[in-house]
Amino acid sequence: MKPSTTPKNADASIRLLDNGWRVLLYKNQLGTYTAVAKRGDRRFVVDDATPSQSMYRLAEKAIGNIVK
């Protein structure tokens, strides 16, 4: 997977942590990065080319705006 040309801010994940989410980030078997957010029975999972992009997309998906 090719990284996007627009860098995303991983600090968006602070919103998850400040709102009680547990966050896990790891390099998966495909060589991309998987980010997981869990709070209670809610769980979100995203994959992306870089750790920063994964964390940004995770925050957007769980508590932010629209994610493609």
PDB file of N, CA and C in Angstrom:
ATOM      1  N   MET A   1       0.851  -1.175   0.000  1.00  0.00           N
ATOM      2  CA  MET A   1       0.000   0.000   0.000  1.00  0.00           C
ATOM      3  C   MET A   1       0.893   1.234   0.000  1.00  0.00           C
ATOM      4  N   LYS A   2       0.645   2.157  -0.892  1.00  0.00           N
ATOM      5  CA  LYS A   2       1.437   3.369  -1.031  1.00  0.00           C
ATOM      6  C   LYS A   2       0.931   4.450  -0.080  1.00  0.00           C
ATOM      7  N   PRO A   3       1.837   5.093   0.685  1.00  0.00           N
ATOM      8  CA  PRO A   3       1.404   6.158   1.582  1.00  0.00           C
ATOM      9  C   PRO A   3       0.798   7.320   0.806  1.00  0.00           C
ATOM     10  N   SER A   4      -0.180   7.967   1.402  1.00  0.00           N
ATOM     11  CA  SER A   4      -0.785   9.122   0.744  1.00  0.00           C
ATOM     12  C   SER A   4       0.198  10.284   0.774  1.00  0.00           C
ATOM     13  N   THR A   5       0.019  11.232  -0.117  1.00  0.00           N
ATOM     14  CA  THR A   5       0.910  12.374  -0.185  1.00  0.00           C
ATOM     15  C   THR A   5       0.557  13.434   0.849  1.00  0.00           C
ATOM     16  N   THR A   6      -0.592  13.307   1.490  1.00  0.00           N
ATOM     17  CA  THR A   6      -1.011  14.249   2.527  1.00  0.00           C
ATOM     18  C   THR A   6      -0.786  13.634   3.895  1.00  0.00           C
ATOM     19  N   PRO A   7       0.199  14.135   4.660  1.00  0.00           N
ATOM     20  CA  PRO A   7       0.431  13.562   5.981  1.00  0.00           C
ATOM     21  C   PRO A   7      -0.730  13.844   6.919  1.00  0.00           C
ATOM     22  N   LYS A   8      -1.019  12.902   7.763  1.00  0.00           N
ATOM     23  CA  LYS A   8      -2.087  13.063   8.752  1.00  0.00           C
ATOM     24  C   LYS A   8      -1.448  13.178  10.132  1.00  0.00           C
ATOM     25  N   ASN A   9      -2.100  13.851  11.017  1.00  0.00           N
ATOM     26  CA  ASN A   9      -1.576  14.111  12.341  1.00  0.00           C
ATOM     27  C   ASN A   9      -1.996  13.005  13.305  1.00  0.00           C
ATOM     28  N   ALA A  10      -1.021  12.229  13.780  1.00  0.00           N
ATOM     29  CA  ALA A  10      -1.318  11.142  14.712  1.00  0.00           C
ATOM     30  C   ALA A  10      -1.791  11.666  16.058  1.00  0.00           C
ATOM     31  N   ASP A  11      -1.555  12.949  16.338  1.00  0.00           N
ATOM     32  CA  ASP A  11      -2.023  13.519  17.601  1.00  0.00           C
ATOM     33  C   ASP A  11      -3.539  13.513  17.702  1.00  0.00           C
ATOM     34  N   ALA A  12      -4.213  13.236  16.604  1.00  0.00           N
ATOM     35  CA  ALA A  12      -5.670  13.102  16.650  1.00  0.00           C
ATOM     36  C   ALA A  12      -6.063  11.966  17.590  1.00  0.00           C
ATOM     37  N   SER A  13      -5.152  11.013  17.796  1.00  0.00           N
ATOM     38  CA  SER A  13      -5.443   9.896  18.700  1.00  0.00           C
ATOM     39  C   SER A  13      -5.577  10.352  20.149  1.00  0.00           C
ATOM     40  N   ILE A  14      -5.078  11.530  20.471  1.00  0.00           N
ATOM     41  CA  ILE A  14      -5.242  12.061  21.828  1.00  0.00           C
ATOM     42  C   ILE A  14      -6.726  12.175  22.163  1.00  0.00           C
ATOM     43  N   ARG A  15      -7.545  12.502  21.157  1.00  0.00           N
ATOM     44  CA  ARG A  15      -8.996  12.582  21.383  1.00  0.00           C
ATOM     45  C   ARG A  15      -9.543  11.241  21.847  1.00  0.00           C
ATOM     46  N   LEU A  16      -9.020  10.145  21.288  1.00  0.00           N
ATOM     47  CA  LEU A  16      -9.471   8.807  21.712  1.00  0.00           C
ATOM     48  C   LEU A  16      -9.092   8.559  23.161  1.00  0.00           C
ATOM     49  N   LEU A  17      -7.830   8.780  23.475  1.00  0.00           N
ATOM     50  CA  LEU A  17      -7.341   8.499  24.828  1.00  0.00           C
ATOM     51  C   LEU A  17      -8.027   9.376  25.868  1.00  0.00           C
ATOM     52  N   ASP A  18      -8.224  10.643  25.535  1.00  0.00           N
ATOM     53  CA  ASP A  18      -8.883  11.566  26.469  1.00  0.00           C
ATOM     54  C   ASP A  18     -10.356  11.226  26.686  1.00  0.00           C
ATOM     55  N   ASN A  19     -10.945  10.461  25.770  1.00  0.00           N
ATOM     56  CA  ASN A  19     -12.351  10.083  25.886  1.00  0.00           C
ATOM     57  C   ASN A  19     -12.540   8.641  26.334  1.00  0.00           C
ATOM     58  N   GLY A  20     -11.499   8.041  26.921  1.00  0.00           N
ATOM     59  CA  GLY A  20     -11.639   6.729  27.537  1.00  0.00           C
ATOM     60  C   GLY A  20     -11.461   5.529  26.625  1.00  0.00           C
ATOM     61  N   TRP A  21     -10.983   5.732  25.402  1.00  0.00           N
ATOM     62  CA  TRP A  21     -10.755   4.621  24.485  1.00  0.00           C
ATOM     63  C   TRP A  21      -9.415   3.957  24.788  1.00  0.00           C
ATOM     64  N   ARG A  22      -9.346   2.641  24.593  1.00  0.00           N
ATOM     65  CA  ARG A  22      -8.079   1.905  24.633  1.00  0.00           C
ATOM     66  C   ARG A  22      -7.610   1.790  23.196  1.00  0.00           C
ATOM     67  N   VAL A  23      -6.326   2.004  22.956  1.00  0.00           N
ATOM     68  CA  VAL A  23      -5.794   2.040  21.600  1.00  0.00           C
ATOM     69  C   VAL A  23      -4.659   1.030  21.461  1.00  0.00           C
ATOM     70  N   LEU A  24      -4.679   0.301  20.352  1.00  0.00           N
ATOM     71  CA  LEU A  24      -3.632  -0.668  20.029  1.00  0.00           C
ATOM     72  C   LEU A  24      -3.176  -0.401  18.598  1.00  0.00           C
ATOM     73  N   LEU A  25      -1.860  -0.361  18.385  1.00  0.00           N
ATOM     74  CA  LEU A  25      -1.295  -0.146  17.058  1.00  0.00           C
ATOM     75  C   LEU A  25      -0.251  -1.215  16.807  1.00  0.00           C
ATOM     76  N   TYR A  26      -0.330  -1.890  15.647  1.00  0.00           N
ATOM     77  CA  TYR A  26       0.668  -2.907  15.333  1.00  0.00           C
ATOM     78  C   TYR A  26       0.848  -3.050  13.828  1.00  0.00           C
ATOM     79  N   LYS A  27       2.014  -3.581  13.446  1.00  0.00           N
ATOM     80  CA  LYS A  27       2.284  -3.866  12.042  1.00  0.00           C
ATOM     81  C   LYS A  27       1.712  -5.246  11.760  1.00  0.00           C
ATOM     82  N   ASN A  28       0.832  -5.324  10.765  1.00  0.00           N
ATOM     83  CA  ASN A  28       0.151  -6.589  10.487  1.00  0.00           C
ATOM     84  C   ASN A  28       0.943  -7.442   9.492  1.00  0.00           C
ATOM     85  N   GLN A  29       0.418  -8.609   9.163  1.00  0.00           N
ATOM     86  CA  GLN A  29       1.097  -9.559   8.283  1.00  0.00           C
ATOM     87  C   GLN A  29       1.215  -9.063   6.845  1.00  0.00           C
ATOM     88  N   LEU A  30       0.417  -8.091   6.465  1.00  0.00           N
ATOM     89  CA  LEU A  30       0.477  -7.535   5.113  1.00  0.00           C
ATOM     90  C   LEU A  30       1.533  -6.437   4.990  1.00  0.00           C
ATOM     91  N   GLY A  31       2.125  -6.056   6.131  1.00  0.00           N
ATOM     92  CA  GLY A  31       3.139  -5.009   6.128  1.00  0.00           C
ATOM     93  C   GLY A  31       2.580  -3.613   6.301  1.00  0.00           C
ATOM     94  N   THR A  32       1.261  -3.496   6.495  1.00  0.00           N
ATOM     95  CA  THR A  32       0.656  -2.205   6.794  1.00  0.00           C
ATOM     96  C   THR A  32       0.437  -2.116   8.297  1.00  0.00           C
ATOM     97  N   TYR A  33      -0.149  -1.042   8.744  1.00  0.00           N
ATOM     98  CA  TYR A  33      -0.333  -0.822  10.180  1.00  0.00           C
ATOM     99  C   TYR A  33      -1.811  -0.846  10.537  1.00  0.00           C
ATOM    100  N   THR A  34      -2.131  -1.617  11.546  1.00  0.00           N
ATOM    101  CA  THR A  34      -3.495  -1.740  12.031  1.00  0.00           C
ATOM    102  C   THR A  34      -3.615  -0.987  13.351  1.00  0.00           C
ATOM    103  N   ALA A  35      -4.660  -0.191  13.459  1.00  0.00           N
ATOM    104  CA  ALA A  35      -4.959   0.535  14.688  1.00  0.00           C
ATOM    105  C   ALA A  35      -6.349   0.117  15.158  1.00  0.00           C
ATOM    106  N   VAL A  36      -6.459  -0.152  16.451  1.00  0.00           N
ATOM    107  CA  VAL A  36      -7.718  -0.612  17.043  1.00  0.00           C
ATOM    108  C   VAL A  36      -8.062   0.304  18.213  1.00  0.00           C
ATOM    109  N   ALA A  37      -9.326   0.709  18.290  1.00  0.00           N
ATOM    110  CA  ALA A  37      -9.826   1.476  19.436  1.00  0.00           C
ATOM    111  C   ALA A  37     -10.997   0.711  20.033  1.00  0.00           C
ATOM    112  N   LYS A  38     -11.010   0.603  21.369  1.00  0.00           N
ATOM    113  CA  LYS A  38     -12.073  -0.130  22.052  1.00  0.00           C
ATOM    114  C   LYS A  38     -12.492   0.646  23.288  1.00  0.00           C
ATOM    115  N   ARG A  39     -13.802   0.722  23.454  1.00  0.00           N
ATOM    116  CA  ARG A  39     -14.379   1.313  24.668  1.00  0.00           C
ATOM    117  C   ARG A  39     -15.698   0.609  24.903  1.00  0.00           C
ATOM    118  N   GLY A  40     -15.788  -0.085  26.011  1.00  0.00           N
ATOM    119  CA  GLY A  40     -16.993  -0.857  26.290  1.00  0.00           C
ATOM    120  C   GLY A  40     -17.183  -1.913  25.219  1.00  0.00           C
ATOM    121  N   ASP A  41     -18.366  -1.945  24.616  1.00  0.00           N
ATOM    122  CA  ASP A  41     -18.632  -2.934  23.568  1.00  0.00           C
ATOM    123  C   ASP A  41     -18.415  -2.357  22.170  1.00  0.00           C
ATOM    124  N   ARG A  42     -17.905  -1.128  22.084  1.00  0.00           N
ATOM    125  CA  ARG A  42     -17.638  -0.502  20.783  1.00  0.00           C
ATOM    126  C   ARG A  42     -16.189  -0.755  20.382  1.00  0.00           C
ATOM    127  N   ARG A  43     -15.974  -1.087  19.113  1.00  0.00           N
ATOM    128  CA  ARG A  43     -14.635  -1.380  18.626  1.00  0.00           C
ATOM    129  C   ARG A  43     -14.502  -0.918  17.184  1.00  0.00           C
ATOM    130  N   PHE A  44     -13.417  -0.235  16.896  1.00  0.00           N
ATOM    131  CA  PHE A  44     -13.123   0.237  15.542  1.00  0.00           C
ATOM    132  C   PHE A  44     -11.740  -0.246  15.145  1.00  0.00           C
ATOM    133  N   VAL A  45     -11.604  -0.655  13.877  1.00  0.00           N
ATOM    134  CA  VAL A  45     -10.337  -1.146  13.350  1.00  0.00           C
ATOM    135  C   VAL A  45     -10.085  -0.491  11.998  1.00  0.00           C
ATOM    136  N   VAL A  46      -8.862   0.008  11.793  1.00  0.00           N
ATOM    137  CA  VAL A  46      -8.472   0.556  10.493  1.00  0.00           C
ATOM    138  C   VAL A  46      -7.062   0.083  10.147  1.00  0.00           C
ATOM    139  N   ASP A  47      -6.774   0.033   8.863  1.00  0.00           N
ATOM    140  CA  ASP A  47      -5.439  -0.288   8.353  1.00  0.00           C
ATOM    141  C   ASP A  47      -4.998   0.842   7.441  1.00  0.00           C
ATOM    142  N   ASP A  48      -3.701   1.163   7.487  1.00  0.00           N
ATOM    143  CA  ASP A  48      -3.170   2.162   6.574  1.00  0.00           C
ATOM    144  C   ASP A  48      -1.675   1.937   6.396  1.00  0.00           C
ATOM    145  N   ALA A  49      -1.060   2.723   5.519  1.00  0.00           N
ATOM    146  CA  ALA A  49       0.332   2.520   5.125  1.00  0.00           C
ATOM    147  C   ALA A  49       1.343   2.947   6.193  1.00  0.00           C
ATOM    148  N   THR A  50       0.973   3.892   7.046  1.00  0.00           N
ATOM    149  CA  THR A  50       1.896   4.360   8.084  1.00  0.00           C
ATOM    150  C   THR A  50       1.189   4.366   9.437  1.00  0.00           C
ATOM    151  N   PRO A  51       1.965   4.323  10.517  1.00  0.00           N
ATOM    152  CA  PRO A  51       1.343   4.395  11.837  1.00  0.00           C
ATOM    153  C   PRO A  51       0.544   5.686  12.035  1.00  0.00           C
ATOM    154  N   SER A  52       1.090   6.806  11.578  1.00  0.00           N
ATOM    155  CA  SER A  52       0.395   8.090  11.738  1.00  0.00           C
ATOM    156  C   SER A  52      -0.941   8.106  11.016  1.00  0.00           C
ATOM    157  N   GLN A  53      -0.958   7.607   9.790  1.00  0.00           N
ATOM    158  CA  GLN A  53      -2.211   7.571   9.034  1.00  0.00           C
ATOM    159  C   GLN A  53      -3.226   6.658   9.695  1.00  0.00           C
ATOM    160  N   SER A  54      -2.769   5.530  10.219  1.00  0.00           N
ATOM    161  CA  SER A  54      -3.683   4.611  10.901  1.00  0.00           C
ATOM    162  C   SER A  54      -4.306   5.259  12.128  1.00  0.00           C
ATOM    163  N   MET A  55      -3.481   5.922  12.927  1.00  0.00           N
ATOM    164  CA  MET A  55      -3.998   6.544  14.147  1.00  0.00           C
ATOM    165  C   MET A  55      -4.950   7.695  13.822  1.00  0.00           C
ATOM    166  N   TYR A  56      -4.622   8.470  12.801  1.00  0.00           N
ATOM    167  CA  TYR A  56      -5.498   9.571  12.399  1.00  0.00           C
ATOM    168  C   TYR A  56      -6.854   9.038  11.942  1.00  0.00           C
ATOM    169  N   ARG A  57      -6.838   8.051  11.060  1.00  0.00           N
ATOM    170  CA  ARG A  57      -8.085   7.485  10.541  1.00  0.00           C
ATOM    171  C   ARG A  57      -8.905   6.840  11.657  1.00  0.00           C
ATOM    172  N   LEU A  58      -8.224   6.217  12.612  1.00  0.00           N
ATOM    173  CA  LEU A  58      -8.923   5.594  13.730  1.00  0.00           C
ATOM    174  C   LEU A  58      -9.676   6.630  14.551  1.00  0.00           C
ATOM    175  N   ALA A  59      -9.005   7.726  14.865  1.00  0.00           N
ATOM    176  CA  ALA A  59      -9.663   8.793  15.629  1.00  0.00           C
ATOM    177  C   ALA A  59     -10.842   9.369  14.869  1.00  0.00           C
ATOM    178  N   GLU A  60     -10.659   9.577  13.581  1.00  0.00           N
ATOM    179  CA  GLU A  60     -11.756  10.112  12.766  1.00  0.00           C
ATOM    180  C   GLU A  60     -12.930   9.142  12.705  1.00  0.00           C
ATOM    181  N   LYS A  61     -12.640   7.872  12.579  1.00  0.00           N
ATOM    182  CA  LYS A  61     -13.706   6.870  12.472  1.00  0.00           C
ATOM    183  C   LYS A  61     -14.464   6.712  13.786  1.00  0.00           C
ATOM    184  N   ALA A  62     -13.741   6.696  14.894  1.00  0.00           N
ATOM    185  CA  ALA A  62     -14.372   6.447  16.189  1.00  0.00           C
ATOM    186  C   ALA A  62     -15.127   7.647  16.742  1.00  0.00           C
ATOM    187  N   ILE A  63     -14.526   8.843  16.674  1.00  0.00           N
ATOM    188  CA  ILE A  63     -15.181   9.994  17.310  1.00  0.00           C
ATOM    189  C   ILE A  63     -15.125  11.264  16.496  1.00  0.00           C
ATOM    190  N   GLY A  64     -14.596  11.175  15.272  1.00  0.00           N
ATOM    191  CA  GLY A  64     -14.407  12.389  14.485  1.00  0.00           C
ATOM    192  C   GLY A  64     -15.372  12.556  13.356  1.00  0.00           C
ATOM    193  N   ASN A  65     -14.810  12.973  12.262  1.00  0.00           N
ATOM    194  CA  ASN A  65     -15.586  13.305  11.066  1.00  0.00           C
ATOM    195  C   ASN A  65     -15.753  12.091  10.165  1.00  0.00           C
ATOM    196  N   ILE A  66     -15.869  12.314   8.888  1.00  0.00           N
ATOM    197  CA  ILE A  66     -16.080  11.255   7.914  1.00  0.00           C
ATOM    198  C   ILE A  66     -14.743  10.667   7.481  1.00  0.00           C
ATOM    199  N   VAL A  67     -14.669   9.354   7.405  1.00  0.00           N
ATOM    200  CA  VAL A  67     -13.471   8.656   6.910  1.00  0.00           C
ATOM    201  C   VAL A  67     -13.863   7.864   5.700  1.00  0.00           C
ATOM    202  N   LYS A  68     -13.049   7.926   4.665  1.00  0.00           N
ATOM    203  CA  LYS A  68     -13.303   7.164   3.442  1.00  0.00           C
ATOM    204  C   LYS A  68     -12.940   5.716   3.646  1.00  0.00           C
TER     205      LYS A  68
END
